[in-house]
Amino acid sequence: MRAAATAPPELSTVTAALRLRHYETAIADFQGTSMFNLVLIALIDALYAGPAVLAIVGNFSLLATLLCILMGTIYLIGLIERSNRTIARFGVDSIVILLCHIGGLYLLFQLR
């Protein structure tokens, strides 16, 4: 249910950014939301007196969390390294992110 409430604003932001050809904004919105959700999980773990949240979630949520952390790490490495090397006008880090995203979606689909 939460996804039905939060998806339309995200979709409109990404659509507007793509129409304006602000591709970085579209990707940042997508990834930023995922990373913000991870911060919320860490905050809940810090404030919740019971067991760790990630210890009681299912494999699907755990894999989604690990994928988000992996892609965030790749983004940070890409920002630090800033190589001008491109393949088909895409940075190497962007291609790795795309492959991780596709592979992650496949794995998540298999777990559902």
N, C-alpha and C. Protein backbone atom coordinates (compact mmCIF):
# COMPACT_ATOMS: atom_id res chain seq x y z
N MET A 1 0.82 -1.18 0.00
CA MET A 1 0.00 0.00 0.00
C MET A 1 0.87 1.26 0.00
N ARG A 2 1.97 1.20 0.75
CA ARG A 2 2.86 2.35 0.81
C ARG A 2 3.39 2.71 -0.58
N ALA A 3 3.68 1.69 -1.37
CA ALA A 3 4.20 1.94 -2.72
C ALA A 3 3.19 2.69 -3.58
N ALA A 4 1.91 2.38 -3.40
CA ALA A 4 0.87 3.07 -4.18
C ALA A 4 0.80 4.54 -3.80
N ALA A 5 1.15 4.89 -2.57
CA ALA A 5 1.12 6.28 -2.14
C ALA A 5 2.38 7.05 -2.52
N THR A 6 3.51 6.37 -2.53
CA THR A 6 4.77 7.08 -2.79
C THR A 6 5.22 7.01 -4.24
N ALA A 7 4.70 6.08 -5.02
CA ALA A 7 5.16 5.93 -6.41
C ALA A 7 4.76 7.08 -7.33
N PRO A 8 3.54 7.60 -7.29
CA PRO A 8 3.17 8.69 -8.23
C PRO A 8 4.06 9.93 -8.14
N PRO A 9 4.39 10.45 -6.95
CA PRO A 9 5.30 11.60 -6.93
C PRO A 9 6.68 11.27 -7.50
N GLU A 10 7.18 10.07 -7.19
CA GLU A 10 8.48 9.66 -7.73
C GLU A 10 8.41 9.57 -9.25
N LEU A 11 7.35 8.97 -9.76
CA LEU A 11 7.19 8.82 -11.20
C LEU A 11 7.09 10.17 -11.89
N SER A 12 6.37 11.10 -11.29
CA SER A 12 6.24 12.42 -11.92
C SER A 12 7.56 13.18 -11.92
N THR A 13 8.33 13.02 -10.85
CA THR A 13 9.64 13.68 -10.78
C THR A 13 10.58 13.11 -11.84
N VAL A 14 10.63 11.80 -11.95
CA VAL A 14 11.49 11.16 -12.94
C VAL A 14 11.05 11.52 -14.36
N THR A 15 9.74 11.51 -14.60
CA THR A 15 9.22 11.85 -15.93
C THR A 15 9.56 13.28 -16.29
N ALA A 16 9.38 14.22 -15.36
CA ALA A 16 9.70 15.62 -15.63
C ALA A 16 11.20 15.79 -15.90
N ALA A 17 12.03 15.10 -15.13
CA ALA A 17 13.48 15.21 -15.33
C ALA A 17 13.87 14.66 -16.70
N LEU A 18 13.26 13.55 -17.11
CA LEU A 18 13.58 12.98 -18.42
C LEU A 18 13.13 13.89 -19.55
N ARG A 19 11.96 14.51 -19.40
CA ARG A 19 11.48 15.45 -20.43
C ARG A 19 12.40 16.65 -20.58
N LEU A 20 12.99 17.08 -19.45
CA LEU A 20 13.92 18.21 -19.49
C LEU A 20 15.35 17.77 -19.84
N ARG A 21 15.51 16.47 -20.09
CA ARG A 21 16.82 15.88 -20.40
C ARG A 21 17.82 16.03 -19.26
N HIS A 22 17.30 16.01 -18.04
CA HIS A 22 18.14 16.03 -16.85
C HIS A 22 18.24 14.60 -16.34
N TYR A 23 19.02 13.81 -17.05
CA TYR A 23 19.10 12.39 -16.77
C TYR A 23 19.70 12.10 -15.40
N GLU A 24 20.66 12.93 -15.00
CA GLU A 24 21.28 12.73 -13.69
C GLU A 24 20.26 12.91 -12.58
N THR A 25 19.35 13.88 -12.75
CA THR A 25 18.31 14.11 -11.74
C THR A 25 17.38 12.91 -11.65
N ALA A 26 17.03 12.34 -12.79
CA ALA A 26 16.14 11.18 -12.80
C ALA A 26 16.77 10.01 -12.06
N ILE A 27 18.02 9.73 -12.34
CA ILE A 27 18.72 8.62 -11.68
C ILE A 27 18.93 8.92 -10.20
N ALA A 28 19.29 10.17 -9.89
CA ALA A 28 19.51 10.54 -8.49
C ALA A 28 18.23 10.41 -7.68
N ASP A 29 17.09 10.74 -8.27
CA ASP A 29 15.82 10.60 -7.56
C ASP A 29 15.55 9.12 -7.25
N PHE A 30 15.76 8.31 -8.23
CA PHE A 30 15.54 6.86 -8.06
C PHE A 30 16.45 6.28 -7.00
N GLN A 31 17.74 6.53 -7.12
CA GLN A 31 18.70 5.97 -6.17
C GLN A 31 18.62 6.64 -4.81
N GLY A 32 18.36 7.95 -4.81
CA GLY A 32 18.27 8.68 -3.54
C GLY A 32 17.15 8.18 -2.66
N THR A 33 16.02 7.85 -3.27
CA THR A 33 14.91 7.32 -2.51
C THR A 33 15.28 5.98 -1.87
N SER A 34 15.95 5.14 -2.61
CA SER A 34 16.37 3.84 -2.06
C SER A 34 17.33 4.03 -0.90
N MET A 35 18.27 4.94 -1.06
CA MET A 35 19.26 5.16 -0.01
C MET A 35 18.60 5.80 1.22
N PHE A 36 17.64 6.67 1.01
CA PHE A 36 16.93 7.27 2.14
C PHE A 36 16.19 6.20 2.93
N ASN A 37 15.58 5.26 2.23
CA ASN A 37 14.89 4.16 2.91
C ASN A 37 15.86 3.34 3.75
N LEU A 38 17.09 3.16 3.27
CA LEU A 38 18.09 2.43 4.06
C LEU A 38 18.45 3.18 5.33
N VAL A 39 18.51 4.51 5.24
CA VAL A 39 18.80 5.32 6.42
C VAL A 39 17.67 5.15 7.44
N LEU A 40 16.44 5.09 6.96
CA LEU A 40 15.31 4.89 7.87
C LEU A 40 15.41 3.53 8.57
N ILE A 41 15.83 2.50 7.85
CA ILE A 41 15.99 1.18 8.46
C ILE A 41 17.07 1.25 9.54
N ALA A 42 18.17 1.93 9.26
CA ALA A 42 19.24 2.06 10.25
C ALA A 42 18.74 2.82 11.48
N LEU A 43 17.94 3.87 11.27
CA LEU A 43 17.38 4.63 12.38
C LEU A 43 16.43 3.78 13.21
N ILE A 44 15.59 3.00 12.55
CA ILE A 44 14.68 2.11 13.27
C ILE A 44 15.47 1.08 14.07
N ASP A 45 16.53 0.53 13.48
CA ASP A 45 17.37 -0.43 14.21
C ASP A 45 17.99 0.21 15.45
N ALA A 46 18.38 1.48 15.33
CA ALA A 46 19.00 2.16 16.47
C ALA A 46 18.00 2.45 17.58
N LEU A 47 16.75 2.74 17.23
CA LEU A 47 15.76 3.12 18.23
C LEU A 47 14.91 1.96 18.74
N TYR A 48 14.83 0.88 17.98
CA TYR A 48 13.98 -0.25 18.34
C TYR A 48 14.69 -1.15 19.32
N ALA A 49 14.01 -1.49 20.41
CA ALA A 49 14.64 -2.28 21.46
C ALA A 49 14.70 -3.78 21.13
N GLY A 50 13.92 -4.22 20.16
CA GLY A 50 13.86 -5.63 19.81
C GLY A 50 15.03 -6.06 18.94
N PRO A 51 14.88 -7.19 18.25
CA PRO A 51 15.96 -7.68 17.38
C PRO A 51 16.18 -6.74 16.19
N ALA A 52 17.33 -6.86 15.56
CA ALA A 52 17.65 -6.03 14.40
C ALA A 52 16.63 -6.26 13.30
N VAL A 53 16.22 -5.19 12.65
CA VAL A 53 15.19 -5.27 11.61
C VAL A 53 15.63 -6.17 10.46
N LEU A 54 16.86 -5.99 10.01
CA LEU A 54 17.33 -6.80 8.88
C LEU A 54 17.47 -8.28 9.23
N ALA A 55 17.54 -8.58 10.53
CA ALA A 55 17.64 -9.98 10.94
C ALA A 55 16.30 -10.71 10.83
N ILE A 56 15.19 -9.95 10.80
CA ILE A 56 13.87 -10.60 10.78
C ILE A 56 13.14 -10.43 9.45
N VAL A 57 13.74 -9.73 8.48
CA VAL A 57 13.08 -9.58 7.18
C VAL A 57 13.35 -10.81 6.32
N GLY A 58 12.60 -10.93 5.25
CA GLY A 58 12.77 -12.05 4.33
C GLY A 58 13.94 -11.85 3.38
N ASN A 59 14.22 -12.87 2.60
CA ASN A 59 15.32 -12.82 1.64
C ASN A 59 15.12 -11.75 0.58
N PHE A 60 13.88 -11.51 0.16
CA PHE A 60 13.60 -10.51 -0.86
C PHE A 60 14.04 -9.12 -0.39
N SER A 61 13.61 -8.74 0.81
CA SER A 61 13.97 -7.43 1.36
C SER A 61 15.46 -7.32 1.63
N LEU A 62 16.05 -8.39 2.08
CA LEU A 62 17.49 -8.38 2.35
C LEU A 62 18.29 -8.20 1.07
N LEU A 63 17.89 -8.92 0.00
CA LEU A 63 18.59 -8.78 -1.27
C LEU A 63 18.40 -7.37 -1.84
N ALA A 64 17.20 -6.81 -1.73
CA ALA A 64 16.96 -5.45 -2.21
C ALA A 64 17.82 -4.44 -1.46
N THR A 65 17.98 -4.65 -0.16
CA THR A 65 18.83 -3.77 0.65
C THR A 65 20.29 -3.89 0.22
N LEU A 66 20.76 -5.11 0.03
CA LEU A 66 22.16 -5.30 -0.39
C LEU A 66 22.41 -4.72 -1.78
N LEU A 67 21.44 -4.84 -2.68
CA LEU A 67 21.59 -4.24 -4.02
C LEU A 67 21.69 -2.73 -3.94
N CYS A 68 20.88 -2.13 -3.09
CA CYS A 68 20.93 -0.69 -2.92
C CYS A 68 22.28 -0.24 -2.38
N ILE A 69 22.79 -0.97 -1.40
CA ILE A 69 24.11 -0.64 -0.85
C ILE A 69 25.19 -0.81 -1.91
N LEU A 70 25.11 -1.89 -2.69
CA LEU A 70 26.10 -2.13 -3.74
C LEU A 70 26.07 -1.02 -4.78
N MET A 71 24.87 -0.64 -5.24
CA MET A 71 24.78 0.41 -6.26
C MET A 71 25.21 1.77 -5.70
N GLY A 72 24.89 2.04 -4.45
CA GLY A 72 25.35 3.28 -3.84
C GLY A 72 26.87 3.34 -3.75
N THR A 73 27.48 2.20 -3.43
CA THR A 73 28.94 2.13 -3.37
C THR A 73 29.55 2.35 -4.75
N ILE A 74 28.95 1.77 -5.77
CA ILE A 74 29.45 1.97 -7.14
C ILE A 74 29.33 3.43 -7.54
N TYR A 75 28.22 4.07 -7.18
CA TYR A 75 28.06 5.50 -7.46
C TYR A 75 29.17 6.31 -6.79
N LEU A 76 29.45 6.00 -5.53
CA LEU A 76 30.50 6.74 -4.82
C LEU A 76 31.87 6.52 -5.45
N ILE A 77 32.16 5.30 -5.83
CA ILE A 77 33.44 5.02 -6.50
C ILE A 77 33.51 5.79 -7.81
N GLY A 78 32.40 5.83 -8.56
CA GLY A 78 32.37 6.58 -9.81
C GLY A 78 32.58 8.06 -9.60
N LEU A 79 32.04 8.62 -8.51
CA LEU A 79 32.24 10.04 -8.22
C LEU A 79 33.69 10.34 -7.83
N ILE A 80 34.28 9.43 -7.08
CA ILE A 80 35.67 9.64 -6.64
C ILE A 80 36.64 9.44 -7.80
N GLU A 81 36.44 8.41 -8.58
CA GLU A 81 37.37 8.06 -9.66
C GLU A 81 37.24 9.00 -10.86
N ARG A 82 36.07 9.42 -11.21
CA ARG A 82 35.76 10.34 -12.31
C ARG A 82 36.65 10.15 -13.54
N SER A 83 36.57 9.02 -14.14
CA SER A 83 37.31 8.76 -15.37
C SER A 83 36.50 9.26 -16.56
N ASN A 84 37.17 9.71 -17.58
CA ASN A 84 36.50 10.19 -18.78
C ASN A 84 36.25 9.05 -19.77
N ARG A 85 36.59 7.85 -19.39
CA ARG A 85 36.41 6.69 -20.26
C ARG A 85 34.93 6.36 -20.40
N THR A 86 34.48 6.24 -21.63
CA THR A 86 33.07 5.94 -21.87
C THR A 86 32.94 4.79 -22.86
N ILE A 87 31.80 4.15 -22.80
CA ILE A 87 31.42 3.12 -23.76
C ILE A 87 30.03 3.49 -24.23
N ALA A 88 29.89 3.78 -25.52
CA ALA A 88 28.61 4.21 -26.09
C ALA A 88 28.06 5.42 -25.33
N ARG A 89 28.93 6.36 -24.98
CA ARG A 89 28.61 7.59 -24.27
C ARG A 89 28.17 7.38 -22.83
N PHE A 90 28.33 6.18 -22.32
CA PHE A 90 28.04 5.89 -20.91
C PHE A 90 29.35 5.71 -20.18
N GLY A 91 29.42 6.23 -18.96
CA GLY A 91 30.57 5.98 -18.12
C GLY A 91 30.60 4.53 -17.71
N VAL A 92 31.78 4.04 -17.40
CA VAL A 92 31.92 2.65 -16.99
C VAL A 92 31.08 2.37 -15.75
N ASP A 93 31.07 3.32 -14.80
CA ASP A 93 30.27 3.12 -13.60
C ASP A 93 28.78 3.04 -13.92
N SER A 94 28.32 3.80 -14.89
CA SER A 94 26.91 3.74 -15.28
C SER A 94 26.55 2.38 -15.88
N ILE A 95 27.45 1.83 -16.65
CA ILE A 95 27.21 0.51 -17.24
C ILE A 95 27.17 -0.55 -16.15
N VAL A 96 28.08 -0.46 -15.18
CA VAL A 96 28.09 -1.42 -14.07
C VAL A 96 26.81 -1.29 -13.26
N ILE A 97 26.35 -0.07 -13.02
CA ILE A 97 25.09 0.14 -12.30
C ILE A 97 23.93 -0.47 -13.07
N LEU A 98 23.89 -0.26 -14.38
CA LEU A 98 22.82 -0.82 -15.20
C LEU A 98 22.82 -2.34 -15.13
N LEU A 99 24.00 -2.95 -15.23
CA LEU A 99 24.09 -4.41 -15.14
C LEU A 99 23.67 -4.92 -13.76
N CYS A 100 24.07 -4.20 -12.70
CA CYS A 100 23.65 -4.58 -11.34
C CYS A 100 22.14 -4.47 -11.20
N HIS A 101 21.57 -3.42 -11.76
CA HIS A 101 20.13 -3.22 -11.66
C HIS A 101 19.37 -4.34 -12.38
N ILE A 102 19.79 -4.64 -13.59
CA ILE A 102 19.13 -5.71 -14.36
C ILE A 102 19.31 -7.05 -13.66
N GLY A 103 20.53 -7.35 -13.23
CA GLY A 103 20.79 -8.60 -12.52
C GLY A 103 20.02 -8.68 -11.21
N GLY A 104 19.94 -7.55 -10.50
CA GLY A 104 19.19 -7.52 -9.25
C GLY A 104 17.71 -7.73 -9.46
N LEU A 105 17.16 -7.11 -10.51
CA LEU A 105 15.74 -7.32 -10.81
C LEU A 105 15.47 -8.79 -11.14
N TYR A 106 16.38 -9.39 -11.87
CA TYR A 106 16.23 -10.81 -12.20
C TYR A 106 16.22 -11.66 -10.92
N LEU A 107 17.20 -11.40 -10.04
CA LEU A 107 17.27 -12.16 -8.79
C LEU A 107 16.04 -11.93 -7.91
N LEU A 108 15.59 -10.69 -7.83
CA LEU A 108 14.40 -10.40 -7.03
C LEU A 108 13.17 -11.09 -7.63
N PHE A 109 13.10 -11.11 -8.94
CA PHE A 109 11.97 -11.80 -9.60
C PHE A 109 12.00 -13.28 -9.27
N GLN A 110 13.18 -13.87 -9.22
CA GLN A 110 13.30 -15.28 -8.89
C GLN A 110 12.91 -15.58 -7.44
N LEU A 111 13.10 -14.60 -6.54
CA LEU A 111 12.79 -14.81 -5.12
C LEU A 111 11.31 -14.60 -4.79
N ARG A 112 10.58 -13.95 -5.64
CA ARG A 112 9.18 -13.61 -5.28
C ARG A 112 8.32 -14.80 -5.14
